[in-house]
Amino acid sequence: MAVSGPLRKTFTYHVPTDMRQLLPGQRVLVEFGRSRTVGFYLGEPVSAEILRTKPILSVLDPDSFFSRELFDLCLWVADYYFANPADCLLCALPTALKSRRPLV
């Protein structure tokens, strides 16, 4: 999970069993610290040694707004320029999609 902010770090959340399959780049609502914020689903965690994680609270959009190529490019930019992946993904979204509200 990528959450916008000053840290160049990703976080691990689990997908509740009643939630459908998520797509890379899909916006989700997560509890981050003491607040709720929008994050981007990046995919399944690589490490199997995850002990306790918080659940994803809800899915904000019915689909991902990123093609696989654009998603991969945003992650490459974040890695190359040592930037937060969520900030790079946010930059690739149109202004209307940068809110916390779902587009349904």
Protein backbone atom coordinates (compact mmCIF):
# COMPACT_ATOMS: atom_id res chain seq x y z
CA MET A 1 0.00 0.00 0.00
CA ALA A 2 1.35 3.42 -0.90
CA VAL A 3 0.22 6.37 1.22
CA SER A 4 1.13 9.94 0.29
CA GLY A 5 3.51 11.73 2.62
CA PRO A 6 7.14 12.51 3.38
CA LEU A 7 8.23 8.90 3.80
CA ARG A 8 9.51 6.91 0.84
CA LYS A 9 7.98 3.76 2.20
CA THR A 10 5.11 1.38 1.50
CA PHE A 11 2.88 -0.21 4.10
CA THR A 12 1.16 -3.58 4.37
CA TYR A 13 -2.59 -3.91 4.90
CA HIS A 14 -4.72 -6.98 4.43
CA VAL A 15 -7.70 -7.27 2.11
CA PRO A 16 -10.80 -8.41 4.03
CA THR A 17 -12.37 -11.61 2.76
CA ASP A 18 -15.63 -9.85 1.84
CA MET A 19 -13.77 -7.43 -0.46
CA ARG A 20 -13.35 -8.34 -4.10
CA GLN A 21 -10.01 -8.70 -5.89
CA LEU A 22 -8.13 -5.39 -6.06
CA LEU A 23 -6.19 -4.11 -9.05
CA PRO A 24 -2.78 -2.40 -8.88
CA GLY A 25 -3.24 1.37 -8.62
CA GLN A 26 -6.77 1.16 -7.25
CA ARG A 27 -7.55 3.80 -4.60
CA VAL A 28 -8.56 2.50 -1.18
CA LEU A 29 -9.36 4.00 2.21
CA VAL A 30 -7.07 2.88 5.03
CA GLU A 31 -6.49 3.73 8.67
CA PHE A 32 -3.09 5.40 8.88
CA GLY A 33 -2.00 6.31 12.37
CA ARG A 34 -4.96 7.99 14.04
CA SER A 35 -6.64 9.12 10.83
CA ARG A 36 -8.10 7.67 7.68
CA THR A 37 -6.44 8.40 4.37
CA VAL A 38 -6.45 7.39 0.73
CA GLY A 39 -3.86 4.89 -0.37
CA PHE A 40 -2.99 3.06 -3.57
CA TYR A 41 -3.08 -0.72 -3.75
CA LEU A 42 0.29 -1.92 -5.08
CA GLY A 43 -0.29 -5.66 -5.12
CA GLU A 44 0.30 -8.68 -2.92
CA PRO A 45 3.11 -8.39 -0.35
CA VAL A 46 6.41 -10.01 -1.28
CA SER A 47 7.28 -11.19 2.22
CA ALA A 48 5.31 -13.98 3.86
CA GLU A 49 6.45 -12.97 7.36
CA ILE A 50 3.73 -10.44 8.08
CA LEU A 51 2.38 -10.83 11.58
CA ARG A 52 -0.44 -8.32 12.20
CA THR A 53 -1.85 -5.88 9.70
CA LYS A 54 -4.77 -3.48 9.60
CA PRO A 55 -7.55 -4.12 7.08
CA ILE A 56 -8.35 -1.99 4.06
CA LEU A 57 -11.50 -0.11 5.11
CA SER A 58 -13.10 0.38 1.70
CA VAL A 59 -12.42 0.55 -2.01
CA LEU A 60 -12.98 4.07 -3.37
CA ASP A 61 -13.23 3.32 -7.08
CA PRO A 62 -14.74 0.39 -8.99
CA ASP A 63 -11.59 -0.01 -11.09
CA SER A 64 -7.99 1.18 -11.36
CA PHE A 65 -7.44 4.36 -13.39
CA PHE A 66 -3.95 3.22 -14.40
CA SER A 67 -2.99 1.04 -17.33
CA ARG A 68 -0.32 -1.50 -16.41
CA GLU A 69 2.25 0.53 -18.36
CA LEU A 70 1.41 3.82 -16.58
CA PHE A 71 1.37 2.09 -13.18
CA ASP A 72 4.80 0.55 -13.83
CA LEU A 73 6.13 3.91 -15.07
CA CYS A 74 4.96 5.69 -11.90
CA LEU A 75 6.69 3.09 -9.71
CA TRP A 76 9.85 3.37 -11.82
CA VAL A 77 9.81 7.19 -11.44
CA ALA A 78 9.38 6.81 -7.67
CA ASP A 79 12.33 4.43 -7.50
CA TYR A 80 14.59 6.39 -9.85
CA TYR A 81 13.97 9.78 -8.19
CA PHE A 82 13.77 8.35 -4.66
CA ALA A 83 10.19 9.59 -4.28
CA ASN A 84 7.09 8.32 -2.48
CA PRO A 85 5.20 5.92 -4.82
CA ALA A 86 1.82 7.38 -3.78
CA ASP A 87 2.95 10.89 -4.71
CA CYS A 88 4.01 9.71 -8.17
CA LEU A 89 0.70 7.90 -8.66
CA LEU A 90 -1.20 11.02 -7.53
CA CYS A 91 0.64 13.14 -10.09
CA ALA A 92 -0.54 10.83 -12.86
CA LEU A 93 -4.21 11.22 -11.90
CA PRO A 94 -6.45 13.98 -13.29
CA THR A 95 -7.35 16.67 -10.74
CA ALA A 96 -10.94 15.44 -10.42
CA LEU A 97 -9.70 12.07 -9.17
CA LYS A 98 -7.45 13.41 -6.42
CA SER A 99 -10.23 13.68 -3.86
CA ARG A 100 -11.20 11.21 -1.16
CA ARG A 101 -14.65 10.62 -2.67
CA PRO A 102 -15.40 7.65 -4.93
CA LEU A 103 -16.44 8.26 -8.52
CA VAL A 104 -19.54 6.08 -8.66
